[in-house]
Amino acid sequence: MRTAIYPGSFDPVTLGHLDIIRRAAVMFDRLIVAVMHNQNKTPMFTMEERMDFLRRTTAGLSGVEVDSCGGLLADYAARKNACAIVKGLRAVSDFEYEFQMALANRKLNPALDTMFLMTSAENMYLSSSVVKDIAVHGGSIAGFVPDELMEDIVRRTKKGG
């Protein structure tokens, strides 16, 4: 069974994330969407909320699981018997950092490859930070996040994060 991991903060999940998930899900037998704890970020949504968002939006996708990870991604991948990490790229500027991370993960876990997927053109500008900024300032996030999450995101941003 070929298992891949798509890691991220998903704070919140966007249509760009779902695009990568859908495309990667058909390439592997099992795709684990891993909500990562990032010590350099303060998330707006709790780990449980982000996992719930992902479960709700990926429920119909075969072979997709949602999990969380707080340690080294390379170690987590070894525990899950994953052969690949999937990373979405929006622009060339994303590549330098992701390339460094891919090399580090490969050094830590030689059995692990990283696969880069370019985002669809309509999502090149889209990030969780952009979504939160628009929502906090009262703008419409329709077309940026899954419809079933809009109310949850707007409610949280009205509370001031």
C-alpha atoms as a PDB file:
ATOM      1  CA  MET A   1       0.000   0.000   0.000  1.00  0.00           C
ATOM      2  CA  ARG A   2       1.455   3.356  -1.038  1.00  0.00           C
ATOM      3  CA  THR A   3       0.915   5.917   1.698  1.00  0.00           C
ATOM      4  CA  ALA A   4       1.604   9.641   1.431  1.00  0.00           C
ATOM      5  CA  ILE A   5       1.314  12.444   3.948  1.00  0.00           C
ATOM      6  CA  TYR A   6       0.065  15.933   3.155  1.00  0.00           C
ATOM      7  CA  PRO A   7       1.197  18.054   6.127  1.00  0.00           C
ATOM      8  CA  GLY A   8       0.135  21.576   6.965  1.00  0.00           C
ATOM      9  CA  SER A   9      -1.368  23.869   9.542  1.00  0.00           C
ATOM     10  CA  PHE A  10      -4.712  24.114   7.672  1.00  0.00           C
ATOM     11  CA  ASP A  11      -5.698  27.165   9.736  1.00  0.00           C
ATOM     12  CA  PRO A  12      -8.265  27.068   8.136  1.00  0.00           C
ATOM     13  CA  VAL A  13      -8.457  24.634   5.233  1.00  0.00           C
ATOM     14  CA  THR A  14      -8.895  26.434   1.903  1.00  0.00           C
ATOM     15  CA  LEU A  15     -10.064  25.420  -1.547  1.00  0.00           C
ATOM     16  CA  GLY A  16      -6.377  25.370  -2.491  1.00  0.00           C
ATOM     17  CA  HIS A  17      -5.696  22.734   0.153  1.00  0.00           C
ATOM     18  CA  LEU A  18      -8.644  20.680  -1.057  1.00  0.00           C
ATOM     19  CA  ASP A  19      -7.394  20.888  -4.640  1.00  0.00           C
ATOM     20  CA  ILE A  20      -4.066  19.349  -3.575  1.00  0.00           C
ATOM     21  CA  ILE A  21      -5.819  16.729  -1.407  1.00  0.00           C
ATOM     22  CA  ARG A  22      -8.119  15.615  -4.227  1.00  0.00           C
ATOM     23  CA  ARG A  23      -5.286  15.363  -6.734  1.00  0.00           C
ATOM     24  CA  ALA A  24      -2.924  13.545  -4.358  1.00  0.00           C
ATOM     25  CA  ALA A  25      -5.635  11.137  -3.198  1.00  0.00           C
ATOM     26  CA  VAL A  26      -5.827   9.525  -6.637  1.00  0.00           C
ATOM     27  CA  MET A  27      -2.047   9.032  -6.766  1.00  0.00           C
ATOM     28  CA  PHE A  28      -1.747   7.029  -3.552  1.00  0.00           C
ATOM     29  CA  ASP A  29      -3.659   4.210  -1.900  1.00  0.00           C
ATOM     30  CA  ARG A  30      -3.750   6.162   1.342  1.00  0.00           C
ATOM     31  CA  LEU A  31      -3.327   9.898   1.906  1.00  0.00           C
ATOM     32  CA  ILE A  32      -2.924  11.099   5.472  1.00  0.00           C
ATOM     33  CA  VAL A  33      -3.703  14.783   5.843  1.00  0.00           C
ATOM     34  CA  ALA A  34      -1.606  15.650   8.885  1.00  0.00           C
ATOM     35  CA  VAL A  35      -2.441  18.764  10.851  1.00  0.00           C
ATOM     36  CA  MET A  36       0.938  19.880  12.129  1.00  0.00           C
ATOM     37  CA  HIS A  37       1.767  21.693  15.315  1.00  0.00           C
ATOM     38  CA  ASN A  38       4.028  24.577  14.297  1.00  0.00           C
ATOM     39  CA  GLN A  39       5.762  26.264  17.226  1.00  0.00           C
ATOM     40  CA  ASN A  40       6.339  29.367  15.076  1.00  0.00           C
ATOM     41  CA  LYS A  41       2.632  29.968  14.452  1.00  0.00           C
ATOM     42  CA  THR A  42      -0.275  30.829  16.705  1.00  0.00           C
ATOM     43  CA  PRO A  43      -3.323  29.242  15.079  1.00  0.00           C
ATOM     44  CA  MET A  44      -6.740  30.854  15.061  1.00  0.00           C
ATOM     45  CA  PHE A  45      -8.416  27.445  15.242  1.00  0.00           C
ATOM     46  CA  THR A  46      -7.604  24.651  17.674  1.00  0.00           C
ATOM     47  CA  MET A  47      -6.053  21.402  16.507  1.00  0.00           C
ATOM     48  CA  GLU A  48      -9.417  19.676  17.052  1.00  0.00           C
ATOM     49  CA  GLU A  49     -11.277  22.314  15.000  1.00  0.00           C
ATOM     50  CA  ARG A  50      -8.814  22.074  12.123  1.00  0.00           C
ATOM     51  CA  MET A  51      -9.058  18.284  12.126  1.00  0.00           C
ATOM     52  CA  ASP A  52     -12.859  18.529  12.181  1.00  0.00           C
ATOM     53  CA  PHE A  53     -12.795  20.970   9.227  1.00  0.00           C
ATOM     54  CA  LEU A  54     -10.658  18.538   7.253  1.00  0.00           C
ATOM     55  CA  ARG A  55     -12.774  15.521   8.150  1.00  0.00           C
ATOM     56  CA  ARG A  56     -15.938  17.341   7.083  1.00  0.00           C
ATOM     57  CA  THR A  57     -14.480  18.476   3.771  1.00  0.00           C
ATOM     58  CA  THR A  58     -12.764  15.204   2.839  1.00  0.00           C
ATOM     59  CA  ALA A  59     -15.464  12.781   4.030  1.00  0.00           C
ATOM     60  CA  GLY A  60     -16.315  11.676   0.494  1.00  0.00           C
ATOM     61  CA  LEU A  61     -12.737  11.095  -0.639  1.00  0.00           C
ATOM     62  CA  SER A  62     -11.610   7.493  -0.742  1.00  0.00           C
ATOM     63  CA  GLY A  63      -8.378   6.661   1.049  1.00  0.00           C
ATOM     64  CA  VAL A  64      -8.068  10.032   2.801  1.00  0.00           C
ATOM     65  CA  GLU A  65      -7.469  10.112   6.561  1.00  0.00           C
ATOM     66  CA  VAL A  66      -7.008  13.065   8.898  1.00  0.00           C
ATOM     67  CA  ASP A  67      -4.499  12.945  11.744  1.00  0.00           C
ATOM     68  CA  SER A  68      -2.275  15.284  13.756  1.00  0.00           C
ATOM     69  CA  CYS A  69       1.456  15.427  14.244  1.00  0.00           C
ATOM     70  CA  GLY A  70       3.512  17.364  16.756  1.00  0.00           C
ATOM     71  CA  GLY A  71       7.003  15.964  16.205  1.00  0.00           C
ATOM     72  CA  LEU A  72       9.346  15.519  13.286  1.00  0.00           C
ATOM     73  CA  LEU A  73       7.519  14.843  10.037  1.00  0.00           C
ATOM     74  CA  ALA A  74      10.185  12.331   8.947  1.00  0.00           C
ATOM     75  CA  ASP A  75       9.617  10.285  12.121  1.00  0.00           C
ATOM     76  CA  TYR A  76       5.848  10.481  11.744  1.00  0.00           C
ATOM     77  CA  ALA A  77       6.157   9.293   8.126  1.00  0.00           C
ATOM     78  CA  ALA A  78       8.238   6.306   9.250  1.00  0.00           C
ATOM     79  CA  ARG A  79       5.616   5.370  11.878  1.00  0.00           C
ATOM     80  CA  LYS A  80       2.889   5.542   9.229  1.00  0.00           C
ATOM     81  CA  ASN A  81       4.952   3.618   6.641  1.00  0.00           C
ATOM     82  CA  ALA A  82       4.634   6.537   4.237  1.00  0.00           C
ATOM     83  CA  CYS A  83       6.757   6.627   1.103  1.00  0.00           C
ATOM     84  CA  ALA A  84       6.055  10.278   0.237  1.00  0.00           C
ATOM     85  CA  ILE A  85       5.260  13.713   1.516  1.00  0.00           C
ATOM     86  CA  VAL A  86       2.984  15.828  -0.669  1.00  0.00           C
ATOM     87  CA  LYS A  87       3.545  19.573  -0.722  1.00  0.00           C
ATOM     88  CA  GLY A  88       1.550  22.150  -2.638  1.00  0.00           C
ATOM     89  CA  LEU A  89       3.423  25.022  -4.265  1.00  0.00           C
ATOM     90  CA  ARG A  90       1.801  28.335  -5.156  1.00  0.00           C
ATOM     91  CA  ALA A  91       4.815  30.218  -6.470  1.00  0.00           C
ATOM     92  CA  VAL A  92       8.531  29.879  -7.018  1.00  0.00           C
ATOM     93  CA  SER A  93       9.065  31.587  -3.651  1.00  0.00           C
ATOM     94  CA  ASP A  94       7.479  28.549  -1.909  1.00  0.00           C
ATOM     95  CA  PHE A  95       9.960  26.197  -3.552  1.00  0.00           C
ATOM     96  CA  GLU A  96      13.183  27.264  -1.825  1.00  0.00           C
ATOM     97  CA  TYR A  97      11.879  26.599   1.681  1.00  0.00           C
ATOM     98  CA  GLU A  98      10.077  23.409   0.672  1.00  0.00           C
ATOM     99  CA  PHE A  99      13.177  22.136  -1.149  1.00  0.00           C
ATOM    100  CA  GLN A 100      15.247  22.586   2.034  1.00  0.00           C
ATOM    101  CA  MET A 101      12.609  20.757   4.063  1.00  0.00           C
ATOM    102  CA  ALA A 102      12.475  17.919   1.511  1.00  0.00           C
ATOM    103  CA  LEU A 103      16.242  17.450   1.741  1.00  0.00           C
ATOM    104  CA  ALA A 104      16.172  17.501   5.540  1.00  0.00           C
ATOM    105  CA  ASN A 105      13.319  14.979   5.670  1.00  0.00           C
ATOM    106  CA  ARG A 106      15.149  12.719   3.206  1.00  0.00           C
ATOM    107  CA  LYS A 107      18.293  12.894   5.361  1.00  0.00           C
ATOM    108  CA  LEU A 108      16.263  11.954   8.460  1.00  0.00           C
ATOM    109  CA  ASN A 109      14.293   9.256   6.640  1.00  0.00           C
ATOM    110  CA  PRO A 110      16.066   7.959   3.472  1.00  0.00           C
ATOM    111  CA  ALA A 111      12.956   5.989   2.449  1.00  0.00           C
ATOM    112  CA  LEU A 112      10.911   9.187   2.165  1.00  0.00           C
ATOM    113  CA  ASP A 113      10.458  11.254  -0.989  1.00  0.00           C
ATOM    114  CA  THR A 114       8.727  14.600  -1.362  1.00  0.00           C
ATOM    115  CA  MET A 115       6.336  15.220  -4.218  1.00  0.00           C
ATOM    116  CA  PHE A 116       5.539  18.802  -5.193  1.00  0.00           C
ATOM    117  CA  LEU A 117       2.180  19.638  -6.764  1.00  0.00           C
ATOM    118  CA  MET A 118       1.624  23.024  -8.303  1.00  0.00           C
ATOM    119  CA  THR A 119      -1.621  24.569  -7.204  1.00  0.00           C
ATOM    120  CA  SER A 120      -4.295  25.214  -9.786  1.00  0.00           C
ATOM    121  CA  ALA A 121      -4.035  28.685 -11.342  1.00  0.00           C
ATOM    122  CA  GLU A 122      -7.187  29.931  -9.612  1.00  0.00           C
ATOM    123  CA  ASN A 123      -5.620  29.201  -6.196  1.00  0.00           C
ATOM    124  CA  MET A 124      -2.145  30.685  -6.688  1.00  0.00           C
ATOM    125  CA  TYR A 125      -2.822  33.654  -4.397  1.00  0.00           C
ATOM    126  CA  LEU A 126      -4.795  31.696  -1.821  1.00  0.00           C
ATOM    127  CA  SER A 127      -3.497  30.968   1.679  1.00  0.00           C
ATOM    128  CA  SER A 128      -5.001  30.490   5.103  1.00  0.00           C
ATOM    129  CA  SER A 129      -3.496  33.843   6.127  1.00  0.00           C
ATOM    130  CA  VAL A 130      -5.264  35.617   3.252  1.00  0.00           C
ATOM    131  CA  VAL A 131      -8.560  33.962   4.220  1.00  0.00           C
ATOM    132  CA  LYS A 132      -8.216  35.008   7.873  1.00  0.00           C
ATOM    133  CA  ASP A 133      -7.269  38.571   6.944  1.00  0.00           C
ATOM    134  CA  ILE A 134     -10.281  38.941   4.646  1.00  0.00           C
ATOM    135  CA  ALA A 135     -12.643  37.434   7.224  1.00  0.00           C
ATOM    136  CA  VAL A 136     -11.326  39.532  10.130  1.00  0.00           C
ATOM    137  CA  HIS A 137     -11.953  42.676   8.080  1.00  0.00           C
ATOM    138  CA  GLY A 138     -15.499  41.641   7.183  1.00  0.00           C
ATOM    139  CA  GLY A 139     -14.869  40.616   3.586  1.00  0.00           C
ATOM    140  CA  SER A 140     -16.504  37.674   1.892  1.00  0.00           C
ATOM    141  CA  ILE A 141     -14.520  34.444   1.950  1.00  0.00           C
ATOM    142  CA  ALA A 142     -16.905  32.738  -0.473  1.00  0.00           C
ATOM    143  CA  GLY A 143     -14.895  31.014  -3.157  1.00  0.00           C
ATOM    144  CA  PHE A 144     -11.842  30.764  -0.867  1.00  0.00           C
ATOM    145  CA  VAL A 145     -12.974  28.082   1.586  1.00  0.00           C
ATOM    146  CA  PRO A 146     -15.428  25.171   1.394  1.00  0.00           C
ATOM    147  CA  ASP A 147     -19.012  26.355   1.760  1.00  0.00           C
ATOM    148  CA  GLU A 148     -19.598  24.114   4.779  1.00  0.00           C
ATOM    149  CA  LEU A 149     -16.847  25.923   6.729  1.00  0.00           C
ATOM    150  CA  MET A 150     -17.713  29.547   5.979  1.00  0.00           C
ATOM    151  CA  GLU A 151     -20.042  30.028   8.939  1.00  0.00           C
ATOM    152  CA  ASP A 152     -17.506  28.538  11.397  1.00  0.00           C
ATOM    153  CA  ILE A 153     -14.711  30.762  10.093  1.00  0.00           C
ATOM    154  CA  VAL A 154     -16.792  33.944  10.057  1.00  0.00           C
ATOM    155  CA  ARG A 155     -18.082  33.253  13.586  1.00  0.00           C
ATOM    156  CA  ARG A 156     -14.508  32.839  14.901  1.00  0.00           C
ATOM    157  CA  THR A 157     -13.176  35.954  13.169  1.00  0.00           C
ATOM    158  CA  LYS A 158     -16.048  38.042  14.545  1.00  0.00           C
ATOM    159  CA  LYS A 159     -14.900  36.980  18.013  1.00  0.00           C
ATOM    160  CA  GLY A 160     -11.535  38.507  17.214  1.00  0.00           C
ATOM    161  CA  GLY A 161      -9.676  35.217  16.734  1.00  0.00           C
END
